[in-house]
Amino acid sequence: MSSFSELAEVAPHLIWDGVAGRVVEGEQATLSVIELEPDVVVPEHRHVNEQLGVLVAGSLTFRIADESRELRPGALWSIPAHTPHEVHVGPEGAVVVEAFAPARSDWAALERLDGATPRWP
């Protein structure tokens, strides 16, 4: 198996309705490109994984614990493990790149979508 691949070759996981993620897995971390449809709400949730991200396209209103921000491309975030967070996607949708540690082993059970072309780059 090669250490290299292309984003378009990775079938996305359906994380929530309107939220799909293409992932590359390491032993201890997951890197994901998450595509969010316009006006989607990612409900409040928390997980054991530390989460780091950057918004590369679109807009989000992101709440982490008690802090909320409207984000544009180039915005960064850091979410400690077990911290509640939620996202409201803007009218143009969004693309984010996120890293999770430890790896998101729970995503292996998610439905995979066929033939979806990445929105970015």
PDB file of N, CA and C in Angstrom:
ATOM      1  N   MET A   1       0.837  -1.173   0.000  1.00  0.00           N
ATOM      2  CA  MET A   1       0.000   0.000   0.000  1.00  0.00           C
ATOM      3  C   MET A   1       0.889   1.247   0.000  1.00  0.00           C
ATOM      4  N   SER A   2       0.556   2.217  -0.814  1.00  0.00           N
ATOM      5  CA  SER A   2       1.338   3.437  -0.935  1.00  0.00           C
ATOM      6  C   SER A   2       1.074   4.381   0.233  1.00  0.00           C
ATOM      7  N   SER A   3       2.053   5.186   0.534  1.00  0.00           N
ATOM      8  CA  SER A   3       1.892   6.230   1.546  1.00  0.00           C
ATOM      9  C   SER A   3       1.216   7.467   0.976  1.00  0.00           C
ATOM     10  N   PHE A   4       0.951   7.467  -0.346  1.00  0.00           N
ATOM     11  CA  PHE A   4       0.374   8.634  -1.019  1.00  0.00           C
ATOM     12  C   PHE A   4      -1.002   8.312  -1.597  1.00  0.00           C
ATOM     13  N   SER A   5      -1.850   9.324  -1.689  1.00  0.00           N
ATOM     14  CA  SER A   5      -3.131   9.196  -2.373  1.00  0.00           C
ATOM     15  C   SER A   5      -3.589  10.586  -2.783  1.00  0.00           C
ATOM     16  N   GLU A   6      -4.706  10.657  -3.478  1.00  0.00           N
ATOM     17  CA  GLU A   6      -5.297  11.917  -3.920  1.00  0.00           C
ATOM     18  C   GLU A   6      -6.634  12.098  -3.214  1.00  0.00           C
ATOM     19  N   LEU A   7      -6.979  13.320  -2.899  1.00  0.00           N
ATOM     20  CA  LEU A   7      -8.229  13.611  -2.205  1.00  0.00           C
ATOM     21  C   LEU A   7      -9.427  13.021  -2.944  1.00  0.00           C
ATOM     22  N   ALA A   8      -9.453  13.147  -4.269  1.00  0.00           N
ATOM     23  CA  ALA A   8     -10.580  12.654  -5.064  1.00  0.00           C
ATOM     24  C   ALA A   8     -10.709  11.134  -5.024  1.00  0.00           C
ATOM     25  N   GLU A   9      -9.647  10.436  -4.640  1.00  0.00           N
ATOM     26  CA  GLU A   9      -9.671   8.975  -4.575  1.00  0.00           C
ATOM     27  C   GLU A   9     -10.237   8.449  -3.261  1.00  0.00           C
ATOM     28  N   VAL A  10     -10.399   9.315  -2.280  1.00  0.00           N
ATOM     29  CA  VAL A  10     -10.847   8.902  -0.950  1.00  0.00           C
ATOM     30  C   VAL A  10     -12.358   9.069  -0.859  1.00  0.00           C
ATOM     31  N   ALA A  11     -13.074   7.965  -0.685  1.00  0.00           N
ATOM     32  CA  ALA A  11     -14.535   8.034  -0.536  1.00  0.00           C
ATOM     33  C   ALA A  11     -14.863   8.685   0.804  1.00  0.00           C
ATOM     34  N   PRO A  12     -15.719   9.702   0.786  1.00  0.00           N
ATOM     35  CA  PRO A  12     -16.025  10.394   2.044  1.00  0.00           C
ATOM     36  C   PRO A  12     -16.931   9.579   2.961  1.00  0.00           C
ATOM     37  N   HIS A  13     -16.737   9.789   4.252  1.00  0.00           N
ATOM     38  CA  HIS A  13     -17.625   9.248   5.282  1.00  0.00           C
ATOM     39  C   HIS A  13     -18.776  10.233   5.462  1.00  0.00           C
ATOM     40  N   LEU A  14     -19.987   9.745   5.613  1.00  0.00           N
ATOM     41  CA  LEU A  14     -21.126  10.590   5.958  1.00  0.00           C
ATOM     42  C   LEU A  14     -21.117  10.742   7.470  1.00  0.00           C
ATOM     43  N   ILE A  15     -20.716  11.924   7.950  1.00  0.00           N
ATOM     44  CA  ILE A  15     -20.579  12.151   9.388  1.00  0.00           C
ATOM     45  C   ILE A  15     -21.918  12.548   9.988  1.00  0.00           C
ATOM     46  N   TRP A  16     -22.619  13.489   9.362  1.00  0.00           N
ATOM     47  CA  TRP A  16     -23.998  13.881   9.676  1.00  0.00           C
ATOM     48  C   TRP A  16     -24.647  14.208   8.346  1.00  0.00           C
ATOM     49  N   ASP A  17     -25.959  14.369   8.307  1.00  0.00           N
ATOM     50  CA  ASP A  17     -26.611  14.830   7.081  1.00  0.00           C
ATOM     51  C   ASP A  17     -25.992  16.163   6.682  1.00  0.00           C
ATOM     52  N   GLY A  18     -25.495  16.236   5.443  1.00  0.00           N
ATOM     53  CA  GLY A  18     -24.894  17.466   4.950  1.00  0.00           C
ATOM     54  C   GLY A  18     -23.448  17.679   5.346  1.00  0.00           C
ATOM     55  N   VAL A  19     -22.840  16.686   6.004  1.00  0.00           N
ATOM     56  CA  VAL A  19     -21.444  16.792   6.455  1.00  0.00           C
ATOM     57  C   VAL A  19     -20.713  15.510   6.070  1.00  0.00           C
ATOM     58  N   ALA A  20     -19.730  15.644   5.181  1.00  0.00           N
ATOM     59  CA  ALA A  20     -18.967  14.483   4.717  1.00  0.00           C
ATOM     60  C   ALA A  20     -17.483  14.743   4.927  1.00  0.00           C
ATOM     61  N   GLY A  21     -16.749  13.701   5.293  1.00  0.00           N
ATOM     62  CA  GLY A  21     -15.319  13.849   5.559  1.00  0.00           C
ATOM     63  C   GLY A  21     -14.482  12.811   4.851  1.00  0.00           C
ATOM     64  N   ARG A  22     -13.443  13.295   4.196  1.00  0.00           N
ATOM     65  CA  ARG A  22     -12.441  12.412   3.584  1.00  0.00           C
ATOM     66  C   ARG A  22     -11.277  12.346   4.561  1.00  0.00           C
ATOM     67  N   VAL A  23     -10.841  11.158   4.920  1.00  0.00           N
ATOM     68  CA  VAL A  23      -9.853  11.034   5.990  1.00  0.00           C
ATOM     69  C   VAL A  23      -8.628  10.245   5.548  1.00  0.00           C
ATOM     70  N   VAL A  24      -7.532  10.584   6.173  1.00  0.00           N
ATOM     71  CA  VAL A  24      -6.323   9.772   6.104  1.00  0.00           C
ATOM     72  C   VAL A  24      -5.993   9.442   7.554  1.00  0.00           C
ATOM     73  N   GLU A  25      -5.785   8.148   7.800  1.00  0.00           N
ATOM     74  CA  GLU A  25      -5.591   7.656   9.165  1.00  0.00           C
ATOM     75  C   GLU A  25      -4.130   7.359   9.433  1.00  0.00           C
ATOM     76  N   GLY A  26      -3.681   7.778  10.588  1.00  0.00           N
ATOM     77  CA  GLY A  26      -2.403   7.356  11.122  1.00  0.00           C
ATOM     78  C   GLY A  26      -2.660   6.456  12.304  1.00  0.00           C
ATOM     79  N   GLU A  27      -1.606   5.972  12.932  1.00  0.00           N
ATOM     80  CA  GLU A  27      -1.789   5.132  14.116  1.00  0.00           C
ATOM     81  C   GLU A  27      -2.375   5.924  15.275  1.00  0.00           C
ATOM     82  N   GLN A  28      -2.005   7.199  15.393  1.00  0.00           N
ATOM     83  CA  GLN A  28      -2.402   7.969  16.556  1.00  0.00           C
ATOM     84  C   GLN A  28      -3.184   9.233  16.227  1.00  0.00           C
ATOM     85  N   ALA A  29      -3.413   9.512  14.936  1.00  0.00           N
ATOM     86  CA  ALA A  29      -4.126  10.736  14.556  1.00  0.00           C
ATOM     87  C   ALA A  29      -4.925  10.509  13.276  1.00  0.00           C
ATOM     88  N   THR A  30      -5.949  11.344  13.097  1.00  0.00           N
ATOM     89  CA  THR A  30      -6.753  11.362  11.877  1.00  0.00           C
ATOM     90  C   THR A  30      -6.680  12.762  11.306  1.00  0.00           C
ATOM     91  N   LEU A  31      -6.434  12.858   9.996  1.00  0.00           N
ATOM     92  CA  LEU A  31      -6.506  14.125   9.279  1.00  0.00           C
ATOM     93  C   LEU A  31      -7.706  14.037   8.361  1.00  0.00           C
ATOM     94  N   SER A  32      -8.543  15.087   8.361  1.00  0.00           N
ATOM     95  CA  SER A  32      -9.767  15.031   7.568  1.00  0.00           C
ATOM     96  C   SER A  32      -9.976  16.320   6.792  1.00  0.00           C
ATOM     97  N   VAL A  33     -10.574  16.168   5.618  1.00  0.00           N
ATOM     98  CA  VAL A  33     -11.093  17.293   4.851  1.00  0.00           C
ATOM     99  C   VAL A  33     -12.609  17.148   4.926  1.00  0.00           C
ATOM    100  N   ILE A  34     -13.254  18.080   5.616  1.00  0.00           N
ATOM    101  CA  ILE A  34     -14.686  18.017   5.880  1.00  0.00           C
ATOM    102  C   ILE A  34     -15.402  19.004   4.968  1.00  0.00           C
ATOM    103  N   GLU A  35     -16.411  18.512   4.243  1.00  0.00           N
ATOM    104  CA  GLU A  35     -17.228  19.341   3.363  1.00  0.00           C
ATOM    105  C   GLU A  35     -18.607  19.486   3.988  1.00  0.00           C
ATOM    106  N   LEU A  36     -19.037  20.733   4.181  1.00  0.00           N
ATOM    107  CA  LEU A  36     -20.305  21.019   4.850  1.00  0.00           C
ATOM    108  C   LEU A  36     -21.229  21.744   3.881  1.00  0.00           C
ATOM    109  N   GLU A  37     -22.436  21.235   3.736  1.00  0.00           N
ATOM    110  CA  GLU A  37     -23.412  21.854   2.840  1.00  0.00           C
ATOM    111  C   GLU A  37     -23.929  23.156   3.435  1.00  0.00           C
ATOM    112  N   PRO A  38     -24.453  24.049   2.591  1.00  0.00           N
ATOM    113  CA  PRO A  38     -24.963  25.333   3.083  1.00  0.00           C
ATOM    114  C   PRO A  38     -26.018  25.164   4.176  1.00  0.00           C
ATOM    115  N   ASP A  39     -25.939  26.033   5.184  1.00  0.00           N
ATOM    116  CA  ASP A  39     -26.938  26.157   6.253  1.00  0.00           C
ATOM    117  C   ASP A  39     -27.113  24.916   7.124  1.00  0.00           C
ATOM    118  N   VAL A  40     -26.161  24.005   7.097  1.00  0.00           N
ATOM    119  CA  VAL A  40     -26.213  22.818   7.948  1.00  0.00           C
ATOM    120  C   VAL A  40     -25.840  23.199   9.380  1.00  0.00           C
ATOM    121  N   VAL A  41     -26.446  22.523  10.327  1.00  0.00           N
ATOM    122  CA  VAL A  41     -26.078  22.673  11.734  1.00  0.00           C
ATOM    123  C   VAL A  41     -25.467  21.362  12.210  1.00  0.00           C
ATOM    124  N   VAL A  42     -24.229  21.449  12.687  1.00  0.00           N
ATOM    125  CA  VAL A  42     -23.598  20.303  13.338  1.00  0.00           C
ATOM    126  C   VAL A  42     -23.975  20.423  14.810  1.00  0.00           C
ATOM    127  N   PRO A  43     -24.757  19.487  15.322  1.00  0.00           N
ATOM    128  CA  PRO A  43     -25.272  19.627  16.688  1.00  0.00           C
ATOM    129  C   PRO A  43     -24.159  19.579  17.731  1.00  0.00           C
ATOM    130  N   GLU A  44     -24.451  20.145  18.886  1.00  0.00           N
ATOM    131  CA  GLU A  44     -23.473  20.094  19.975  1.00  0.00           C
ATOM    132  C   GLU A  44     -23.081  18.643  20.230  1.00  0.00           C
ATOM    133  N   HIS A  45     -21.801  18.439  20.363  1.00  0.00           N
ATOM    134  CA  HIS A  45     -21.266  17.113  20.667  1.00  0.00           C
ATOM    135  C   HIS A  45     -19.908  17.288  21.335  1.00  0.00           C
ATOM    136  N   ARG A  46     -19.358  16.208  21.791  1.00  0.00           N
ATOM    137  CA  ARG A  46     -18.017  16.177  22.390  1.00  0.00           C
ATOM    138  C   ARG A  46     -17.450  14.788  22.159  1.00  0.00           C
ATOM    139  N   HIS A  47     -16.151  14.675  22.221  1.00  0.00           N
ATOM    140  CA  HIS A  47     -15.503  13.387  22.001  1.00  0.00           C
ATOM    141  C   HIS A  47     -14.165  13.352  22.717  1.00  0.00           C
ATOM    142  N   VAL A  48     -13.591  12.179  22.778  1.00  0.00           N
ATOM    143  CA  VAL A  48     -12.318  11.983  23.480  1.00  0.00           C
ATOM    144  C   VAL A  48     -11.143  12.569  22.706  1.00  0.00           C
ATOM    145  N   ASN A  49     -11.367  12.961  21.465  1.00  0.00           N
ATOM    146  CA  ASN A  49     -10.291  13.423  20.604  1.00  0.00           C
ATOM    147  C   ASN A  49     -10.053  14.924  20.756  1.00  0.00           C
ATOM    148  N   GLU A  50      -8.793  15.322  20.853  1.00  0.00           N
ATOM    149  CA  GLU A  50      -8.425  16.724  20.678  1.00  0.00           C
ATOM    150  C   GLU A  50      -8.654  17.044  19.205  1.00  0.00           C
ATOM    151  N   GLN A  51      -9.095  18.247  18.883  1.00  0.00           N
ATOM    152  CA  GLN A  51      -9.460  18.595  17.509  1.00  0.00           C
ATOM    153  C   GLN A  51      -8.847  19.947  17.153  1.00  0.00           C
ATOM    154  N   LEU A  52      -8.088  19.975  16.051  1.00  0.00           N
ATOM    155  CA  LEU A  52      -7.480  21.198  15.535  1.00  0.00           C
ATOM    156  C   LEU A  52      -7.979  21.415  14.126  1.00  0.00           C
ATOM    157  N   GLY A  53      -8.274  22.671  13.738  1.00  0.00           N
ATOM    158  CA  GLY A  53      -8.816  22.875  12.403  1.00  0.00           C
ATOM    159  C   GLY A  53      -8.504  24.220  11.806  1.00  0.00           C
ATOM    160  N   VAL A  54      -8.741  24.296  10.491  1.00  0.00           N
ATOM    161  CA  VAL A  54      -8.621  25.527   9.719  1.00  0.00           C
ATOM    162  C   VAL A  54      -9.761  25.559   8.706  1.00  0.00           C
ATOM    163  N   LEU A  55     -10.391  26.712   8.576  1.00  0.00           N
ATOM    164  CA  LEU A  55     -11.440  26.915   7.575  1.00  0.00           C
ATOM    165  C   LEU A  55     -10.772  27.338   6.275  1.00  0.00           C
ATOM    166  N   VAL A  56     -10.967  26.554   5.203  1.00  0.00           N
ATOM    167  CA  VAL A  56     -10.322  26.866   3.934  1.00  0.00           C
ATOM    168  C   VAL A  56     -11.267  27.496   2.923  1.00  0.00           C
ATOM    169  N   ALA A  57     -12.582  27.315   3.088  1.00  0.00           N
ATOM    170  CA  ALA A  57     -13.557  27.919   2.171  1.00  0.00           C
ATOM    171  C   ALA A  57     -14.891  28.055   2.877  1.00  0.00           C
ATOM    172  N   GLY A  58     -15.638  29.115   2.540  1.00  0.00           N
ATOM    173  CA  GLY A  58     -16.970  29.306   3.091  1.00  0.00           C
ATOM    174  C   GLY A  58     -16.949  30.068   4.397  1.00  0.00           C
ATOM    175  N   SER A  59     -18.005  29.870   5.197  1.00  0.00           N
ATOM    176  CA  SER A  59     -18.103  30.548   6.486  1.00  0.00           C
ATOM    177  C   SER A  59     -18.814  29.650   7.493  1.00  0.00           C
ATOM    178  N   LEU A  60     -18.492  29.881   8.770  1.00  0.00           N
ATOM    179  CA  LEU A  60     -19.055  29.109   9.874  1.00  0.00           C
ATOM    180  C   LEU A  60     -19.311  30.034  11.049  1.00  0.00           C
ATOM    181  N   THR A  61     -20.296  29.712  11.849  1.00  0.00           N
ATOM    182  CA  THR A  61     -20.386  30.222  13.205  1.00  0.00           C
ATOM    183  C   THR A  61     -20.095  29.030  14.093  1.00  0.00           C
ATOM    184  N   PHE A  62     -19.014  29.119  14.832  1.00  0.00           N
ATOM    185  CA  PHE A  62     -18.481  27.992  15.592  1.00  0.00           C
ATOM    186  C   PHE A  62     -18.568  28.335  17.078  1.00  0.00           C
ATOM    187  N   ARG A  63     -19.138  27.418  17.866  1.00  0.00           N
ATOM    188  CA  ARG A  63     -19.152  27.582  19.313  1.00  0.00           C
ATOM    189  C   ARG A  63     -18.333  26.466  19.938  1.00  0.00           C
ATOM    190  N   ILE A  64     -17.373  26.868  20.767  1.00  0.00           N
ATOM    191  CA  ILE A  64     -16.555  25.929  21.532  1.00  0.00           C
ATOM    192  C   ILE A  64     -16.740  26.296  22.996  1.00  0.00           C
ATOM    193  N   ALA A  65     -17.300  25.379  23.761  1.00  0.00           N
ATOM    194  CA  ALA A  65     -17.666  25.630  25.168  1.00  0.00           C
ATOM    195  C   ALA A  65     -18.578  26.852  25.206  1.00  0.00           C
ATOM    196  N   ASP A  66     -18.169  27.936  25.865  1.00  0.00           N
ATOM    197  CA  ASP A  66     -19.006  29.128  25.984  1.00  0.00           C
ATOM    198  C   ASP A  66     -18.600  30.244  25.027  1.00  0.00           C
ATOM    199  N   GLU A  67     -17.659  29.985  24.118  1.00  0.00           N
ATOM    200  CA  GLU A  67     -17.165  31.016  23.203  1.00  0.00           C
ATOM    201  C   GLU A  67     -17.670  30.749  21.788  1.00  0.00           C
ATOM    202  N   SER A  68     -18.218  31.779  21.141  1.00  0.00           N
ATOM    203  CA  SER A  68     -18.746  31.648  19.780  1.00  0.00           C
ATOM    204  C   SER A  68     -18.095  32.699  18.886  1.00  0.00           C
ATOM    205  N   ARG A  69     -17.775  32.282  17.636  1.00  0.00           N
ATOM    206  CA  ARG A  69     -17.159  33.191  16.679  1.00  0.00           C
ATOM    207  C   ARG A  69     -17.698  32.935  15.284  1.00  0.00           C
ATOM    208  N   GLU A  70     -17.831  34.003  14.495  1.00  0.00           N
ATOM    209  CA  GLU A  70     -18.096  33.878  13.068  1.00  0.00           C
ATOM    210  C   GLU A  70     -16.742  33.777  12.382  1.00  0.00           C
ATOM    211  N   LEU A  71     -16.584  32.732  11.564  1.00  0.00           N
ATOM    212  CA  LEU A  71     -15.281  32.441  10.974  1.00  0.00           C
ATOM    213  C   LEU A  71     -15.313  32.570   9.453  1.00  0.00           C
ATOM    214  N   ARG A  72     -14.198  33.011   8.904  1.00  0.00           N
ATOM    215  CA  ARG A  72     -13.957  33.117   7.462  1.00  0.00           C
ATOM    216  C   ARG A  72     -12.694  32.324   7.137  1.00  0.00           C
ATOM    217  N   PRO A  73     -12.413  32.083   5.853  1.00  0.00           N
ATOM    218  CA  PRO A  73     -11.220  31.309   5.491  1.00  0.00           C
ATOM    219  C   PRO A  73      -9.954  31.851   6.163  1.00  0.00           C
ATOM    220  N   GLY A  74      -9.177  30.911   6.665  1.00  0.00           N
ATOM    221  CA  GLY A  74      -7.950  31.235   7.384  1.00  0.00           C
ATOM    222  C   GLY A  74      -8.118  31.143   8.890  1.00  0.00           C
ATOM    223  N   ALA A  75      -9.347  31.063   9.379  1.00  0.00           N
ATOM    224  CA  ALA A  75      -9.584  30.945  10.817  1.00  0.00           C
ATOM    225  C   ALA A  75      -9.110  29.575  11.305  1.00  0.00           C
ATOM    226  N   LEU A  76      -8.563  29.564  12.503  1.00  0.00           N
ATOM    227  CA  LEU A  76      -8.052  28.345  13.132  1.00  0.00           C
ATOM    228  C   LEU A  76      -8.785  28.094  14.436  1.00  0.00           C
ATOM    229  N   TRP A  77      -8.849  26.816  14.869  1.00  0.00           N
ATOM    230  CA  TRP A  77      -9.430  26.490  16.170  1.00  0.00           C
ATOM    231  C   TRP A  77      -8.708  25.315  16.793  1.00  0.00           C
ATOM    232  N   SER A  78      -8.844  25.256  18.108  1.00  0.00           N
ATOM    233  CA  SER A  78      -8.274  24.173  18.907  1.00  0.00           C
ATOM    234  C   SER A  78      -9.314  23.800  19.962  1.00  0.00           C
ATOM    235  N   ILE A  79      -9.731  22.540  19.948  1.00  0.00           N
ATOM    236  CA  ILE A  79     -10.765  22.068  20.873  1.00  0.00           C
ATOM    237  C   ILE A  79     -10.169  20.965  21.739  1.00  0.00           C
ATOM    238  N   PRO A  80     -10.069  21.202  23.050  1.00  0.00           N
ATOM    239  CA  PRO A  80      -9.574  20.140  23.924  1.00  0.00           C
ATOM    240  C   PRO A  80     -10.541  18.943  23.948  1.00  0.00           C
ATOM    241  N   ALA A  81     -10.029  17.797  24.290  1.00  0.00           N
ATOM    242  CA  ALA A  81     -10.864  16.598  24.436  1.00  0.00           C
ATOM    243  C   ALA A  81     -12.007  16.868  25.406  1.00  0.00           C
ATOM    244  N   HIS A  82     -13.164  16.272  25.129  1.00  0.00           N
ATOM    245  CA  HIS A  82     -14.355  16.314  25.986  1.00  0.00           C
ATOM    246  C   HIS A  82     -15.020  17.689  26.060  1.00  0.00           C
ATOM    247  N   THR A  83     -14.663  18.629  25.191  1.00  0.00           N
ATOM    248  CA  THR A  83     -15.233  19.983  25.221  1.00  0.00           C
ATOM    249  C   THR A  83     -16.421  20.064  24.265  1.00  0.00           C
ATOM    250  N   PRO A  84     -17.587  20.525  24.736  1.00  0.00           N
ATOM    251  CA  PRO A  84     -18.747  20.634  23.848  1.00  0.00           C
ATOM    252  C   PRO A  84     -18.519  21.706  22.774  1.00  0.00           C
ATOM    253  N   HIS A  85     -18.993  21.393  21.563  1.00  0.00           N
ATOM    254  CA  HIS A  85     -18.872  22.347  20.459  1.00  0.00           C
ATOM    255  C   HIS A  85     -19.957  22.077  19.430  1.00  0.00           C
ATOM    256  N   GLU A  86     -20.317  23.134  18.670  1.00  0.00           N
ATOM    257  CA  GLU A  86     -21.301  23.011  17.595  1.00  0.00           C
ATOM    258  C   GLU A  86     -20.961  24.010  16.515  1.00  0.00           C
ATOM    259  N   VAL A  87     -21.526  23.776  15.303  1.00  0.00           N
ATOM    260  CA  VAL A  87     -21.220  24.604  14.142  1.00  0.00           C
ATOM    261  C   VAL A  87     -22.502  24.905  13.382  1.00  0.00           C
ATOM    262  N   HIS A  88     -22.629  26.157  12.943  1.00  0.00           N
ATOM    263  CA  HIS A  88     -23.681  26.579  12.017  1.00  0.00           C
ATOM    264  C   HIS A  88     -22.972  27.024  10.743  1.00  0.00           C
ATOM    265  N   VAL A  89     -23.276  26.369   9.628  1.00  0.00           N
ATOM    266  CA  VAL A  89     -22.600  26.630   8.361  1.00  0.00           C
ATOM    267  C   VAL A  89     -23.292  27.785   7.649  1.00  0.00           C
ATOM    268  N   GLY A  90     -22.506  28.631   6.996  1.00  0.00           N
ATOM    269  CA  GLY A  90     -23.034  29.769   6.254  1.00  0.00           C
ATOM    270  C   GLY A  90     -23.748  29.347   4.976  1.00  0.00           C
ATOM    271  N   PRO A  91     -24.338  30.320   4.265  1.00  0.00           N
ATOM    272  CA  PRO A  91     -25.161  30.030   3.094  1.00  0.00           C
ATOM    273  C   PRO A  91     -24.397  29.498   1.878  1.00  0.00           C
ATOM    274  N   GLU A  92     -23.070  29.613   1.876  1.00  0.00           N
ATOM    275  CA  GLU A  92     -22.287  29.087   0.763  1.00  0.00           C
ATOM    276  C   GLU A  92     -21.657  27.737   1.060  1.00  0.00           C
ATOM    277  N   GLY A  93     -21.928  27.201   2.246  1.00  0.00           N
ATOM    278  CA  GLY A  93     -21.293  25.955   2.646  1.00  0.00           C
ATOM    279  C   GLY A  93     -19.888  26.232   3.144  1.00  0.00           C
ATOM    280  N   ALA A  94     -19.130  25.175   3.408  1.00  0.00           N
ATOM    281  CA  ALA A  94     -17.771  25.351   3.922  1.00  0.00           C
ATOM    282  C   ALA A  94     -16.944  24.095   3.697  1.00  0.00           C
ATOM    283  N   VAL A  95     -15.629  24.305   3.702  1.00  0.00           N
ATOM    284  CA  VAL A  95     -14.663  23.205   3.684  1.00  0.00           C
ATOM    285  C   VAL A  95     -13.662  23.497   4.797  1.00  0.00           C
ATOM    286  N   VAL A  96     -13.431  22.500   5.645  1.00  0.00           N
ATOM    287  CA  VAL A  96     -12.451  22.637   6.717  1.00  0.00           C
ATOM    288  C   VAL A  96     -11.474  21.468   6.657  1.00  0.00           C
ATOM    289  N   VAL A  97     -10.280  21.703   7.159  1.00  0.00           N
ATOM    290  CA  VAL A  97      -9.290  20.640   7.334  1.00  0.00           C
ATOM    291  C   VAL A  97      -9.075  20.525   8.837  1.00  0.00           C
ATOM    292  N   GLU A  98      -9.231  19.294   9.345  1.00  0.00           N
ATOM    293  CA  GLU A  98      -9.122  19.083  10.781  1.00  0.00           C
ATOM    294  C   GLU A  98      -8.250  17.874  11.097  1.00  0.00           C
ATOM    295  N   ALA A  99      -7.561  17.975  12.225  1.00  0.00           N
ATOM    296  CA  ALA A  99      -6.768  16.869  12.750  1.00  0.00           C
ATOM    297  C   ALA A  99      -7.344  16.463  14.096  1.00  0.00           C
ATOM    298  N   PHE A 100      -7.366  15.170  14.348  1.00  0.00           N
ATOM    299  CA  PHE A 100      -7.886  14.615  15.594  1.00  0.00           C
ATOM    300  C   PHE A 100      -6.843  13.680  16.195  1.00  0.00           C
ATOM    301  N   ALA A 101      -6.659  13.789  17.511  1.00  0.00           N
ATOM    302  CA  ALA A 101      -5.784  12.864  18.223  1.00  0.00           C
ATOM    303  C   ALA A 101      -6.440  12.539  19.557  1.00  0.00           C
ATOM    304  N   PRO A 102      -6.545  11.263  19.919  1.00  0.00           N
ATOM    305  CA  PRO A 102      -6.151  10.112  19.123  1.00  0.00           C
ATOM    306  C   PRO A 102      -7.005   9.976  17.859  1.00  0.00           C
ATOM    307  N   ALA A 103      -6.642   9.019  17.035  1.00  0.00           N
ATOM    308  CA  ALA A 103      -7.342   8.785  15.766  1.00  0.00           C
ATOM    309  C   ALA A 103      -8.838   8.547  16.000  1.00  0.00           C
ATOM    310  N   ARG A 104      -9.664   8.954  15.004  1.00  0.00           N
ATOM    311  CA  ARG A 104     -11.131   8.806  15.085  1.00  0.00           C
ATOM    312  C   ARG A 104     -11.532   7.388  14.692  1.00  0.00           C
ATOM    313  N   SER A 105     -11.276   6.423  15.548  1.00  0.00           N
ATOM    314  CA  SER A 105     -11.627   5.034  15.257  1.00  0.00           C
ATOM    315  C   SER A 105     -13.135   4.857  15.095  1.00  0.00           C
ATOM    316  N   ASP A 106     -13.943   5.748  15.684  1.00  0.00           N
ATOM    317  CA  ASP A 106     -15.397   5.645  15.582  1.00  0.00           C
ATOM    318  C   ASP A 106     -15.899   5.917  14.171  1.00  0.00           C
ATOM    319  N   TRP A 107     -15.134   6.600  13.353  1.00  0.00           N
ATOM    320  CA  TRP A 107     -15.573   6.914  11.992  1.00  0.00           C
ATOM    321  C   TRP A 107     -15.538   5.707  11.062  1.00  0.00           C
ATOM    322  N   ALA A 108     -14.823   4.651  11.410  1.00  0.00           N
ATOM    323  CA  ALA A 108     -14.735   3.466  10.558  1.00  0.00           C
ATOM    324  C   ALA A 108     -16.104   2.847  10.311  1.00  0.00           C
ATOM    325  N   ALA A 109     -17.031   3.000  11.243  1.00  0.00           N
ATOM    326  CA  ALA A 109     -18.370   2.405  11.115  1.00  0.00           C
ATOM    327  C   ALA A 109     -19.334   3.280  10.318  1.00  0.00           C
ATOM    328  N   LEU A 110     -18.923   4.490   9.937  1.00  0.00           N
ATOM    329  CA  LEU A 110     -19.825   5.394   9.221  1.00  0.00           C
ATOM    330  C   LEU A 110     -20.023   4.979   7.770  1.00  0.00           C
ATOM    331  N   GLU A 111     -21.183   5.327   7.224  1.00  0.00           N
ATOM    332  CA  GLU A 111     -21.480   5.081   5.807  1.00  0.00           C
ATOM    333  C   GLU A 111     -20.468   5.811   4.936  1.00  0.00           C
ATOM    334  N   ARG A 112     -20.066   5.159   3.818  1.00  0.00           N
ATOM    335  CA  ARG A 112     -19.168   5.791   2.843  1.00  0.00           C
ATOM    336  C   ARG A 112     -19.998   6.194   1.637  1.00  0.00           C
ATOM    337  N   LEU A 113     -19.736   7.379   1.108  1.00  0.00           N
ATOM    338  CA  LEU A 113     -20.437   7.892  -0.063  1.00  0.00           C
ATOM    339  C   LEU A 113     -19.631   7.565  -1.313  1.00  0.00           C
ATOM    340  N   ASP A 114     -20.311   7.207  -2.385  1.00  0.00           N
ATOM    341  CA  ASP A 114     -19.624   6.838  -3.636  1.00  0.00           C
ATOM    342  C   ASP A 114     -19.598   8.022  -4.604  1.00  0.00           C
ATOM    343  N   GLY A 115     -18.487   8.142  -5.308  1.00  0.00           N
ATOM    344  CA  GLY A 115     -18.408   9.041  -6.459  1.00  0.00           C
ATOM    345  C   GLY A 115     -18.523  10.517  -6.196  1.00  0.00           C
ATOM    346  N   ALA A 116     -18.402  10.967  -4.978  1.00  0.00           N
ATOM    347  CA  ALA A 116     -18.529  12.394  -4.683  1.00  0.00           C
ATOM    348  C   ALA A 116     -17.223  13.106  -5.015  1.00  0.00           C
ATOM    349  N   THR A 117     -17.295  14.173  -5.794  1.00  0.00           N
ATOM    350  CA  THR A 117     -16.126  14.964  -6.161  1.00  0.00           C
ATOM    351  C   THR A 117     -15.869  15.987  -5.062  1.00  0.00           C
ATOM    352  N   PRO A 118     -14.613  16.109  -4.613  1.00  0.00           N
ATOM    353  CA  PRO A 118     -14.327  17.090  -3.571  1.00  0.00           C
ATOM    354  C   PRO A 118     -14.669  18.510  -4.001  1.00  0.00           C
ATOM    355  N   ARG A 119     -15.173  19.308  -3.062  1.00  0.00           N
ATOM    356  CA  ARG A 119     -15.476  20.725  -3.336  1.00  0.00           C
ATOM    357  C   ARG A 119     -14.213  21.572  -3.316  1.00  0.00           C
ATOM    358  N   TRP A 120     -13.145  21.014  -2.768  1.00  0.00           N
ATOM    359  CA  TRP A 120     -11.889  21.765  -2.640  1.00  0.00           C
ATOM    360  C   TRP A 120     -10.751  20.788  -2.732  1.00  0.00           C
ATOM    361  N   PRO A 121      -9.631  21.080  -3.261  1.00  0.00           N
ATOM    362  CA  PRO A 121      -9.280  22.341  -3.922  1.00  0.00           C
ATOM    363  C   PRO A 121      -9.834  22.412  -5.310  1.00  0.00           C
TER     364      PRO A 121
END
